[in-house]
Amino acid sequence: MTGAAARMKGIRWERACAQFYDLATTRSIRPGIHDDGGDLDTGGQGLVIECKDHGQWRVQHWFEQTEAKCREGERPLLLLKRRQRTTADGLVVVRMGDLDIRYV
């Protein structure tokens, strides 16, 4: 899938993620312009979130791209769409060092 259909698929996933977490998207009218932050506006929570809806996952590449967008003190996060699953069934990719589960 290429072109407008692929862009629309990505936009739908971004909107679904934004709605799920009650956040705003950072998508502008002109995609690619000012794409130095993530796809979702976390309101200063220290996260850079990228949403990906692709048939073939390139997790390492996407995570490195997201890391490159992080400023000092920010953590990268990927939200991956799973085919024919609900938004809640999507997967989250985070660095192990950024996830503190010792006291859960």
PDB file of N, CA and C in Angstrom:
ATOM      1  N   MET A   1       0.850  -1.165   0.000  1.00  0.00           N
ATOM      2  CA  MET A   1       0.000   0.000   0.000  1.00  0.00           C
ATOM      3  C   MET A   1       0.900   1.234   0.000  1.00  0.00           C
ATOM      4  N   THR A   2       0.626   2.143  -0.909  1.00  0.00           N
ATOM      5  CA  THR A   2       1.427   3.357  -0.977  1.00  0.00           C
ATOM      6  C   THR A   2       0.518   4.561  -1.143  1.00  0.00           C
ATOM      7  N   GLY A   3       1.111   5.730  -1.058  1.00  0.00           N
ATOM      8  CA  GLY A   3       0.381   6.943  -1.356  1.00  0.00           C
ATOM      9  C   GLY A   3      -0.679   7.314  -0.344  1.00  0.00           C
ATOM     10  N   ALA A   4      -1.780   7.868  -0.876  1.00  0.00           N
ATOM     11  CA  ALA A   4      -2.844   8.408  -0.034  1.00  0.00           C
ATOM     12  C   ALA A   4      -3.486   7.348   0.864  1.00  0.00           C
ATOM     13  N   ALA A   5      -3.662   6.138   0.364  1.00  0.00           N
ATOM     14  CA  ALA A   5      -4.295   5.081   1.166  1.00  0.00           C
ATOM     15  C   ALA A   5      -3.440   4.741   2.385  1.00  0.00           C
ATOM     16  N   ALA A   6      -2.132   4.657   2.206  1.00  0.00           N
ATOM     17  CA  ALA A   6      -1.233   4.360   3.319  1.00  0.00           C
ATOM     18  C   ALA A   6      -1.240   5.494   4.336  1.00  0.00           C
ATOM     19  N   ARG A   7      -1.250   6.730   3.864  1.00  0.00           N
ATOM     20  CA  ARG A   7      -1.307   7.872   4.772  1.00  0.00           C
ATOM     21  C   ARG A   7      -2.600   7.870   5.580  1.00  0.00           C
ATOM     22  N   MET A   8      -3.703   7.581   4.924  1.00  0.00           N
ATOM     23  CA  MET A   8      -4.987   7.553   5.620  1.00  0.00           C
ATOM     24  C   MET A   8      -5.031   6.440   6.666  1.00  0.00           C
ATOM     25  N   LYS A   9      -4.427   5.303   6.363  1.00  0.00           N
ATOM     26  CA  LYS A   9      -4.367   4.202   7.316  1.00  0.00           C
ATOM     27  C   LYS A   9      -3.605   4.649   8.566  1.00  0.00           C
ATOM     28  N   GLY A  10      -2.486   5.324   8.360  1.00  0.00           N
ATOM     29  CA  GLY A  10      -1.699   5.831   9.479  1.00  0.00           C
ATOM     30  C   GLY A  10      -2.448   6.887  10.278  1.00  0.00           C
ATOM     31  N   ILE A  11      -3.154   7.761   9.589  1.00  0.00           N
ATOM     32  CA  ILE A  11      -3.927   8.806  10.257  1.00  0.00           C
ATOM     33  C   ILE A  11      -5.032   8.192  11.109  1.00  0.00           C
ATOM     34  N   ARG A  12      -5.694   7.170  10.578  1.00  0.00           N
ATOM     35  CA  ARG A  12      -6.753   6.505  11.351  1.00  0.00           C
ATOM     36  C   ARG A  12      -6.200   5.892  12.637  1.00  0.00           C
ATOM     37  N   TRP A  13      -5.026   5.267  12.545  1.00  0.00           N
ATOM     38  CA  TRP A  13      -4.418   4.656  13.727  1.00  0.00           C
ATOM     39  C   TRP A  13      -4.007   5.727  14.733  1.00  0.00           C
ATOM     40  N   GLU A  14      -3.417   6.814  14.265  1.00  0.00           N
ATOM     41  CA  GLU A  14      -3.051   7.918  15.160  1.00  0.00           C
ATOM     42  C   GLU A  14      -4.287   8.442  15.893  1.00  0.00           C
ATOM     43  N   ARG A  15      -5.363   8.650  15.166  1.00  0.00           N
ATOM     44  CA  ARG A  15      -6.594   9.158  15.783  1.00  0.00           C
ATOM     45  C   ARG A  15      -7.170   8.165  16.783  1.00  0.00           C
ATOM     46  N   ALA A  16      -7.116   6.878  16.458  1.00  0.00           N
ATOM     47  CA  ALA A  16      -7.611   5.851  17.378  1.00  0.00           C
ATOM     48  C   ALA A  16      -6.780   5.851  18.662  1.00  0.00           C
ATOM     49  N   CYS A  17      -5.463   5.975  18.532  1.00  0.00           N
ATOM     50  CA  CYS A  17      -4.591   6.005  19.712  1.00  0.00           C
ATOM     51  C   CYS A  17      -4.848   7.259  20.539  1.00  0.00           C
ATOM     52  N   ALA A  18      -4.981   8.389  19.868  1.00  0.00           N
ATOM     53  CA  ALA A  18      -5.261   9.651  20.568  1.00  0.00           C
ATOM     54  C   ALA A  18      -6.566   9.555  21.338  1.00  0.00           C
ATOM     55  N   GLN A  19      -7.593   8.997  20.719  1.00  0.00           N
ATOM     56  CA  GLN A  19      -8.894   8.860  21.382  1.00  0.00           C
ATOM     57  C   GLN A  19      -8.792   7.882  22.561  1.00  0.00           C
ATOM     58  N   PHE A  20      -8.079   6.797  22.372  1.00  0.00           N
ATOM     59  CA  PHE A  20      -7.937   5.781  23.418  1.00  0.00           C
ATOM     60  C   PHE A  20      -7.294   6.371  24.674  1.00  0.00           C
ATOM     61  N   TYR A  21      -6.258   7.210  24.491  1.00  0.00           N
ATOM     62  CA  TYR A  21      -5.536   7.799  25.619  1.00  0.00           C
ATOM     63  C   TYR A  21      -6.000   9.213  25.951  1.00  0.00           C
ATOM     64  N   ASP A  22      -7.040   9.677  25.268  1.00  0.00           N
ATOM     65  CA  ASP A  22      -7.573  11.021  25.482  1.00  0.00           C
ATOM     66  C   ASP A  22      -6.487  12.089  25.310  1.00  0.00           C
ATOM     67  N   LEU A  23      -5.769  11.989  24.184  1.00  0.00           N
ATOM     68  CA  LEU A  23      -4.724  12.942  23.822  1.00  0.00           C
ATOM     69  C   LEU A  23      -5.061  13.560  22.475  1.00  0.00           C
ATOM     70  N   ALA A  24      -4.344  14.594  22.112  1.00  0.00           N
ATOM     71  CA  ALA A  24      -4.496  15.211  20.796  1.00  0.00           C
ATOM     72  C   ALA A  24      -3.388  14.710  19.879  1.00  0.00           C
ATOM     73  N   THR A  25      -3.674  14.657  18.579  1.00  0.00           N
ATOM     74  CA  THR A  25      -2.623  14.319  17.621  1.00  0.00           C
ATOM     75  C   THR A  25      -1.837  15.585  17.314  1.00  0.00           C
ATOM     76  N   THR A  26      -0.623  15.402  16.837  1.00  0.00           N
ATOM     77  CA  THR A  26       0.204  16.545  16.458  1.00  0.00           C
ATOM     78  C   THR A  26       0.230  16.712  14.945  1.00  0.00           C
ATOM     79  N   ARG A  27      -0.594  15.948  14.245  1.00  0.00           N
ATOM     80  CA  ARG A  27      -0.612  15.989  12.784  1.00  0.00           C
ATOM     81  C   ARG A  27      -1.019  17.378  12.307  1.00  0.00           C
ATOM     82  N   SER A  28      -0.213  17.919  11.418  1.00  0.00           N
ATOM     83  CA  SER A  28      -0.535  19.226  10.847  1.00  0.00           C
ATOM     84  C   SER A  28      -1.207  19.029   9.492  1.00  0.00           C
ATOM     85  N   ILE A  29      -1.641  20.110   8.931  1.00  0.00           N
ATOM     86  CA  ILE A  29      -2.265  20.063   7.609  1.00  0.00           C
ATOM     87  C   ILE A  29      -1.245  19.637   6.570  1.00  0.00           C
ATOM     88  N   ARG A  30       0.014  19.970   6.806  1.00  0.00           N
ATOM     89  CA  ARG A  30       1.097  19.625   5.876  1.00  0.00           C
ATOM     90  C   ARG A  30       2.018  18.606   6.536  1.00  0.00           C
ATOM     91  N   PRO A  31       1.765  17.301   6.345  1.00  0.00           N
ATOM     92  CA  PRO A  31       2.596  16.274   6.977  1.00  0.00           C
ATOM     93  C   PRO A  31       4.067  16.435   6.608  1.00  0.00           C
ATOM     94  N   GLY A  32       4.916  16.137   7.569  1.00  0.00           N
ATOM     95  CA  GLY A  32       6.351  16.260   7.353  1.00  0.00           C
ATOM     96  C   GLY A  32       6.894  17.591   7.817  1.00  0.00           C
ATOM     97  N   ILE A  33       6.042  18.597   7.877  1.00  0.00           N
ATOM     98  CA  ILE A  33       6.456  19.900   8.371  1.00  0.00           C
ATOM     99  C   ILE A  33       6.455  19.834   9.895  1.00  0.00           C
ATOM    100  N   HIS A  34       7.558  20.251  10.496  1.00  0.00           N
ATOM    101  CA  HIS A  34       7.686  20.263  11.956  1.00  0.00           C
ATOM    102  C   HIS A  34       7.457  18.878  12.561  1.00  0.00           C
ATOM    103  N   ASP A  35       7.988  17.855  11.924  1.00  0.00           N
ATOM    104  CA  ASP A  35       7.826  16.492  12.439  1.00  0.00           C
ATOM    105  C   ASP A  35       8.981  16.162  13.379  1.00  0.00           C
ATOM    106  N   ASP A  36       9.246  17.056  14.328  1.00  0.00           N
ATOM    107  CA  ASP A  36      10.351  16.827  15.245  1.00  0.00           C
ATOM    108  C   ASP A  36       9.887  16.249  16.568  1.00  0.00           C
ATOM    109  N   GLY A  37       8.590  16.132  16.772  1.00  0.00           N
ATOM    110  CA  GLY A  37       8.043  15.512  17.978  1.00  0.00           C
ATOM    111  C   GLY A  37       7.358  14.223  17.600  1.00  0.00           C
ATOM    112  N   GLY A  38       6.580  13.701  18.492  1.00  0.00           N
ATOM    113  CA  GLY A  38       5.870  12.463  18.207  1.00  0.00           C
ATOM    114  C   GLY A  38       4.531  12.711  17.542  1.00  0.00           C
ATOM    115  N   ASP A  39       3.775  11.636  17.367  1.00  0.00           N
ATOM    116  CA  ASP A  39       2.464  11.706  16.726  1.00  0.00           C
ATOM    117  C   ASP A  39       1.370  12.191  17.678  1.00  0.00           C
ATOM    118  N   LEU A  40       1.576  12.000  18.982  1.00  0.00           N
ATOM    119  CA  LEU A  40       0.564  12.384  19.959  1.00  0.00           C
ATOM    120  C   LEU A  40       1.128  13.450  20.901  1.00  0.00           C
ATOM    121  N   ASP A  41       0.291  14.395  21.282  1.00  0.00           N
ATOM    122  CA  ASP A  41       0.672  15.449  22.217  1.00  0.00           C
ATOM    123  C   ASP A  41       0.408  14.945  23.629  1.00  0.00           C
ATOM    124  N   THR A  42       1.479  14.681  24.380  1.00  0.00           N
ATOM    125  CA  THR A  42       1.344  14.116  25.717  1.00  0.00           C
ATOM    126  C   THR A  42       1.263  15.185  26.795  1.00  0.00           C
ATOM    127  N   GLY A  43       1.214  16.424  26.413  1.00  0.00           N
ATOM    128  CA  GLY A  43       1.059  17.504  27.385  1.00  0.00           C
ATOM    129  C   GLY A  43       2.214  17.609  28.363  1.00  0.00           C
ATOM    130  N   GLY A  44       3.433  17.423  27.878  1.00  0.00           N
ATOM    131  CA  GLY A  44       4.607  17.583  28.728  1.00  0.00           C
ATOM    132  C   GLY A  44       4.890  16.425  29.668  1.00  0.00           C
ATOM    133  N   GLN A  45       4.420  15.233  29.343  1.00  0.00           N
ATOM    134  CA  GLN A  45       4.646  14.065  30.201  1.00  0.00           C
ATOM    135  C   GLN A  45       6.015  13.425  29.986  1.00  0.00           C
ATOM    136  N   GLY A  46       6.814  13.982  29.107  1.00  0.00           N
ATOM    137  CA  GLY A  46       8.152  13.446  28.878  1.00  0.00           C
ATOM    138  C   GLY A  46       8.195  12.242  27.974  1.00  0.00           C
ATOM    139  N   LEU A  47       7.187  12.091  27.108  1.00  0.00           N
ATOM    140  CA  LEU A  47       7.142  10.977  26.168  1.00  0.00           C
ATOM    141  C   LEU A  47       7.104  11.488  24.738  1.00  0.00           C
ATOM    142  N   VAL A  48       7.772  10.773  23.857  1.00  0.00           N
ATOM    143  CA  VAL A  48       7.643  10.995  22.418  1.00  0.00           C
ATOM    144  C   VAL A  48       7.003   9.726  21.875  1.00  0.00           C
ATOM    145  N   ILE A  49       5.750   9.850  21.414  1.00  0.00           N
ATOM    146  CA  ILE A  49       4.973   8.688  20.988  1.00  0.00           C
ATOM    147  C   ILE A  49       4.814   8.688  19.480  1.00  0.00           C
ATOM    148  N   GLU A  50       5.163   7.570  18.859  1.00  0.00           N
ATOM    149  CA  GLU A  50       4.957   7.359  17.428  1.00  0.00           C
ATOM    150  C   GLU A  50       3.966   6.209  17.263  1.00  0.00           C
ATOM    151  N   CYS A  51       3.009   6.383  16.363  1.00  0.00           N
ATOM    152  CA  CYS A  51       1.993   5.365  16.080  1.00  0.00           C
ATOM    153  C   CYS A  51       2.294   4.740  14.717  1.00  0.00           C
ATOM    154  N   LYS A  52       2.325   3.419  14.643  1.00  0.00           N
ATOM    155  CA  LYS A  52       2.661   2.732  13.401  1.00  0.00           C
ATOM    156  C   LYS A  52       1.620   1.670  13.058  1.00  0.00           C
ATOM    157  N   ASP A  53       1.136   1.738  11.820  1.00  0.00           N
ATOM    158  CA  ASP A  53       0.196   0.739  11.293  1.00  0.00           C
ATOM    159  C   ASP A  53       0.743   0.273   9.949  1.00  0.00           C
ATOM    160  N   HIS A  54       1.553  -0.781   9.987  1.00  0.00           N
ATOM    161  CA  HIS A  54       2.199  -1.315   8.782  1.00  0.00           C
ATOM    162  C   HIS A  54       2.010  -2.829   8.747  1.00  0.00           C
ATOM    163  N   GLY A  55       2.021  -3.371   7.560  1.00  0.00           N
ATOM    164  CA  GLY A  55       1.922  -4.817   7.393  1.00  0.00           C
ATOM    165  C   GLY A  55       3.165  -5.529   7.888  1.00  0.00           C
ATOM    166  N   GLN A  56       4.327  -4.961   7.595  1.00  0.00           N
ATOM    167  CA  GLN A  56       5.593  -5.539   8.044  1.00  0.00           C
ATOM    168  C   GLN A  56       6.226  -4.577   9.031  1.00  0.00           C
ATOM    169  N   TRP A  57       6.495  -5.053  10.214  1.00  0.00           N
ATOM    170  CA  TRP A  57       7.036  -4.200  11.256  1.00  0.00           C
ATOM    171  C   TRP A  57       8.542  -4.050  11.133  1.00  0.00           C
ATOM    172  N   ARG A  58       8.998  -2.831  11.317  1.00  0.00           N
ATOM    173  CA  ARG A  58      10.423  -2.493  11.346  1.00  0.00           C
ATOM    174  C   ARG A  58      10.700  -1.825  12.687  1.00  0.00           C
ATOM    175  N   VAL A  59      10.452  -2.562  13.757  1.00  0.00           N
ATOM    176  CA  VAL A  59      10.455  -2.012  15.101  1.00  0.00           C
ATOM    177  C   VAL A  59      11.782  -1.332  15.444  1.00  0.00           C
ATOM    178  N   GLN A  60      12.891  -1.977  15.174  1.00  0.00           N
ATOM    179  CA  GLN A  60      14.203  -1.405  15.500  1.00  0.00           C
ATOM    180  C   GLN A  60      14.383  -0.057  14.809  1.00  0.00           C
ATOM    181  N   HIS A  61      14.093   0.004  13.533  1.00  0.00           N
ATOM    182  CA  HIS A  61      14.237   1.239  12.753  1.00  0.00           C
ATOM    183  C   HIS A  61      13.316   2.332  13.293  1.00  0.00           C
ATOM    184  N   TRP A  62      12.047   2.001  13.509  1.00  0.00           N
ATOM    185  CA  TRP A  62      11.087   2.993  14.003  1.00  0.00           C
ATOM    186  C   TRP A  62      11.470   3.481  15.392  1.00  0.00           C
ATOM    187  N   PHE A  63      11.950   2.569  16.238  1.00  0.00           N
ATOM    188  CA  PHE A  63      12.315   2.968  17.590  1.00  0.00           C
ATOM    189  C   PHE A  63      13.508   3.912  17.567  1.00  0.00           C
ATOM    190  N   GLU A  64      14.469   3.635  16.703  1.00  0.00           N
ATOM    191  CA  GLU A  64      15.627   4.530  16.580  1.00  0.00           C
ATOM    192  C   GLU A  64      15.205   5.904  16.069  1.00  0.00           C
ATOM    193  N   GLN A  65      14.253   5.940  15.135  1.00  0.00           N
ATOM    194  CA  GLN A  65      13.734   7.224  14.656  1.00  0.00           C
ATOM    195  C   GLN A  65      13.057   7.991  15.792  1.00  0.00           C
ATOM    196  N   THR A  66      12.287   7.291  16.595  1.00  0.00           N
ATOM    197  CA  THR A  66      11.590   7.923  17.718  1.00  0.00           C
ATOM    198  C   THR A  66      12.588   8.414  18.756  1.00  0.00           C
ATOM    199  N   GLU A  67      13.620   7.619  19.041  1.00  0.00           N
ATOM    200  CA  GLU A  67      14.669   8.046  19.975  1.00  0.00           C
ATOM    201  C   GLU A  67      15.337   9.327  19.501  1.00  0.00           C
ATOM    202  N   ALA A  68      15.558   9.429  18.190  1.00  0.00           N
ATOM    203  CA  ALA A  68      16.221  10.609  17.630  1.00  0.00           C
ATOM    204  C   ALA A  68      15.384  11.879  17.815  1.00  0.00           C
ATOM    205  N   LYS A  69      14.070  11.734  17.951  1.00  0.00           N
ATOM    206  CA  LYS A  69      13.188  12.889  18.147  1.00  0.00           C
ATOM    207  C   LYS A  69      13.134  13.341  19.604  1.00  0.00           C
ATOM    208  N   CYS A  70      13.638  12.500  20.510  1.00  0.00           N
ATOM    209  CA  CYS A  70      13.565  12.807  21.937  1.00  0.00           C
ATOM    210  C   CYS A  70      14.569  13.893  22.315  1.00  0.00           C
ATOM    211  N   ARG A  71      14.085  14.811  23.148  1.00  0.00           N
ATOM    212  CA  ARG A  71      14.965  15.805  23.748  1.00  0.00           C
ATOM    213  C   ARG A  71      15.387  15.291  25.114  1.00  0.00           C
ATOM    214  N   GLU A  72      16.257  16.035  25.775  1.00  0.00           N
ATOM    215  CA  GLU A  72      16.751  15.665  27.101  1.00  0.00           C
ATOM    216  C   GLU A  72      15.585  15.362  28.041  1.00  0.00           C
ATOM    217  N   GLY A  73      15.622  14.196  28.670  1.00  0.00           N
ATOM    218  CA  GLY A  73      14.606  13.820  29.641  1.00  0.00           C
ATOM    219  C   GLY A  73      13.353  13.193  29.053  1.00  0.00           C
ATOM    220  N   GLU A  74      13.256  13.075  27.728  1.00  0.00           N
ATOM    221  CA  GLU A  74      12.081  12.450  27.110  1.00  0.00           C
ATOM    222  C   GLU A  74      12.356  10.983  26.815  1.00  0.00           C
ATOM    223  N   ARG A  75      11.288  10.187  26.817  1.00  0.00           N
ATOM    224  CA  ARG A  75      11.395   8.757  26.561  1.00  0.00           C
ATOM    225  C   ARG A  75      10.615   8.398  25.299  1.00  0.00           C
ATOM    226  N   PRO A  76      11.184   7.537  24.447  1.00  0.00           N
ATOM    227  CA  PRO A  76      10.484   7.113  23.229  1.00  0.00           C
ATOM    228  C   PRO A  76       9.493   5.987  23.507  1.00  0.00           C
ATOM    229  N   LEU A  77       8.401   5.996  22.728  1.00  0.00           N
ATOM    230  CA  LEU A  77       7.357   4.984  22.879  1.00  0.00           C
ATOM    231  C   LEU A  77       6.738   4.735  21.513  1.00  0.00           C
ATOM    232  N   LEU A  78       6.579   3.469  21.141  1.00  0.00           N
ATOM    233  CA  LEU A  78       5.898   3.106  19.892  1.00  0.00           C
ATOM    234  C   LEU A  78       4.565   2.458  20.216  1.00  0.00           C
ATOM    235  N   LEU A  79       3.531   2.832  19.457  1.00  0.00           N
ATOM    236  CA  LEU A  79       2.229   2.177  19.546  1.00  0.00           C
ATOM    237  C   LEU A  79       1.989   1.470  18.220  1.00  0.00           C
ATOM    238  N   LEU A  80       1.949   0.148  18.239  1.00  0.00           N
ATOM    239  CA  LEU A  80       1.859  -0.659  17.026  1.00  0.00           C
ATOM    240  C   LEU A  80       0.462  -1.253  16.862  1.00  0.00           C
ATOM    241  N   LYS A  81      -0.079  -1.096  15.680  1.00  0.00           N
ATOM    242  CA  LYS A  81      -1.404  -1.625  15.336  1.00  0.00           C
ATOM    243  C   LYS A  81      -1.281  -3.105  15.010  1.00  0.00           C
ATOM    244  N   ARG A  82      -2.198  -3.881  15.564  1.00  0.00           N
ATOM    245  CA  ARG A  82      -2.284  -5.296  15.224  1.00  0.00           C
ATOM    246  C   ARG A  82      -3.473  -5.477  14.301  1.00  0.00           C
ATOM    247  N   ARG A  83      -3.255  -6.181  13.221  1.00  0.00           N
ATOM    248  CA  ARG A  83      -4.308  -6.380  12.222  1.00  0.00           C
ATOM    249  C   ARG A  83      -5.535  -7.050  12.815  1.00  0.00           C
ATOM    250  N   GLN A  84      -6.678  -6.510  12.429  1.00  0.00           N
ATOM    251  CA  GLN A  84      -7.983  -7.046  12.808  1.00  0.00           C
ATOM    252  C   GLN A  84      -8.130  -7.197  14.323  1.00  0.00           C
ATOM    253  N   ARG A  85      -7.562  -6.264  15.053  1.00  0.00           N
ATOM    254  CA  ARG A  85      -7.678  -6.218  16.509  1.00  0.00           C
ATOM    255  C   ARG A  85      -8.148  -4.823  16.912  1.00  0.00           C
ATOM    256  N   THR A  86      -8.628  -4.703  18.129  1.00  0.00           N
ATOM    257  CA  THR A  86      -9.074  -3.406  18.621  1.00  0.00           C
ATOM    258  C   THR A  86      -7.874  -2.531  18.979  1.00  0.00           C
ATOM    259  N   THR A  87      -8.138  -1.260  19.200  1.00  0.00           N
ATOM    260  CA  THR A  87      -7.077  -0.338  19.611  1.00  0.00           C
ATOM    261  C   THR A  87      -6.440  -0.818  20.911  1.00  0.00           C
ATOM    262  N   ALA A  88      -7.254  -1.277  21.843  1.00  0.00           N
ATOM    263  CA  ALA A  88      -6.744  -1.764  23.131  1.00  0.00           C
ATOM    264  C   ALA A  88      -5.821  -2.967  22.974  1.00  0.00           C
ATOM    265  N   ASP A  89      -5.903  -3.684  21.859  1.00  0.00           N
ATOM    266  CA  ASP A  89      -5.042  -4.836  21.606  1.00  0.00           C
ATOM    267  C   ASP A  89      -3.729  -4.459  20.932  1.00  0.00           C
ATOM    268  N   GLY A  90      -3.531  -3.163  20.649  1.00  0.00           N
ATOM    269  CA  GLY A  90      -2.274  -2.707  20.062  1.00  0.00           C
ATOM    270  C   GLY A  90      -1.120  -2.975  21.019  1.00  0.00           C
ATOM    271  N   LEU A  91       0.082  -2.936  20.500  1.00  0.00           N
ATOM    272  CA  LEU A  91       1.264  -3.211  21.314  1.00  0.00           C
ATOM    273  C   LEU A  91       2.039  -1.930  21.576  1.00  0.00           C
ATOM    274  N   VAL A  92       2.649  -1.869  22.756  1.00  0.00           N
ATOM    275  CA  VAL A  92       3.474  -0.733  23.148  1.00  0.00           C
ATOM    276  C   VAL A  92       4.915  -1.213  23.219  1.00  0.00           C
ATOM    277  N   VAL A  93       5.819  -0.483  22.584  1.00  0.00           N
ATOM    278  CA  VAL A  93       7.242  -0.800  22.637  1.00  0.00           C
ATOM    279  C   VAL A  93       7.932   0.323  23.410  1.00  0.00           C
ATOM    280  N   VAL A  94       8.620  -0.056  24.480  1.00  0.00           N
ATOM    281  CA  VAL A  94       9.327   0.891  25.329  1.00  0.00           C
ATOM    282  C   VAL A  94      10.652   0.246  25.742  1.00  0.00           C
ATOM    283  N   ARG A  95      11.665   1.072  26.006  1.00  0.00           N
ATOM    284  CA  ARG A  95      12.936   0.531  26.496  1.00  0.00           C
ATOM    285  C   ARG A  95      12.742  -0.046  27.886  1.00  0.00           C
ATOM    286  N   MET A  96      13.388  -1.155  28.167  1.00  0.00           N
ATOM    287  CA  MET A  96      13.264  -1.781  29.482  1.00  0.00           C
ATOM    288  C   MET A  96      13.687  -0.818  30.584  1.00  0.00           C
ATOM    289  N   GLY A  97      14.707  -0.023  30.338  1.00  0.00           N
ATOM    290  CA  GLY A  97      15.185   0.928  31.337  1.00  0.00           C
ATOM    291  C   GLY A  97      14.200   2.045  31.638  1.00  0.00           C
ATOM    292  N   ASP A  98      13.245   2.272  30.752  1.00  0.00           N
ATOM    293  CA  ASP A  98      12.231   3.314  30.952  1.00  0.00           C
ATOM    294  C   ASP A  98      10.989   2.793  31.655  1.00  0.00           C
ATOM    295  N   LEU A  99      10.914   1.498  31.880  1.00  0.00           N
ATOM    296  CA  LEU A  99       9.734   0.884  32.484  1.00  0.00           C
ATOM    297  C   LEU A  99      10.092   0.368  33.869  1.00  0.00           C
ATOM    298  N   ASP A 100       9.549   0.991  34.894  1.00  0.00           N
ATOM    299  CA  ASP A 100       9.847   0.593  36.270  1.00  0.00           C
ATOM    300  C   ASP A 100       8.703  -0.275  36.784  1.00  0.00           C
ATOM    301  N   ILE A 101       8.913  -1.584  36.789  1.00  0.00           N
ATOM    302  CA  ILE A 101       7.867  -2.502  37.240  1.00  0.00           C
ATOM    303  C   ILE A 101       8.269  -3.237  38.529  1.00  0.00           C
ATOM    304  N   ARG A 102       9.312  -2.801  39.160  1.00  0.00           N
ATOM    305  CA  ARG A 102       9.805  -3.495  40.368  1.00  0.00           C
ATOM    306  C   ARG A 102       8.811  -3.471  41.505  1.00  0.00           C
ATOM    307  N   TYR A 103       7.957  -2.448  41.549  1.00  0.00           N
ATOM    308  CA  TYR A 103       7.075  -2.294  42.707  1.00  0.00           C
ATOM    309  C   TYR A 103       5.615  -2.506  42.358  1.00  0.00           C
ATOM    310  N   VAL A 104       5.342  -3.159  41.252  1.00  0.00           N
ATOM    311  CA  VAL A 104       3.961  -3.388  40.853  1.00  0.00           C
ATOM    312  C   VAL A 104       3.407  -4.596  41.568  1.00  0.00           C
TER     313      VAL A 104
END
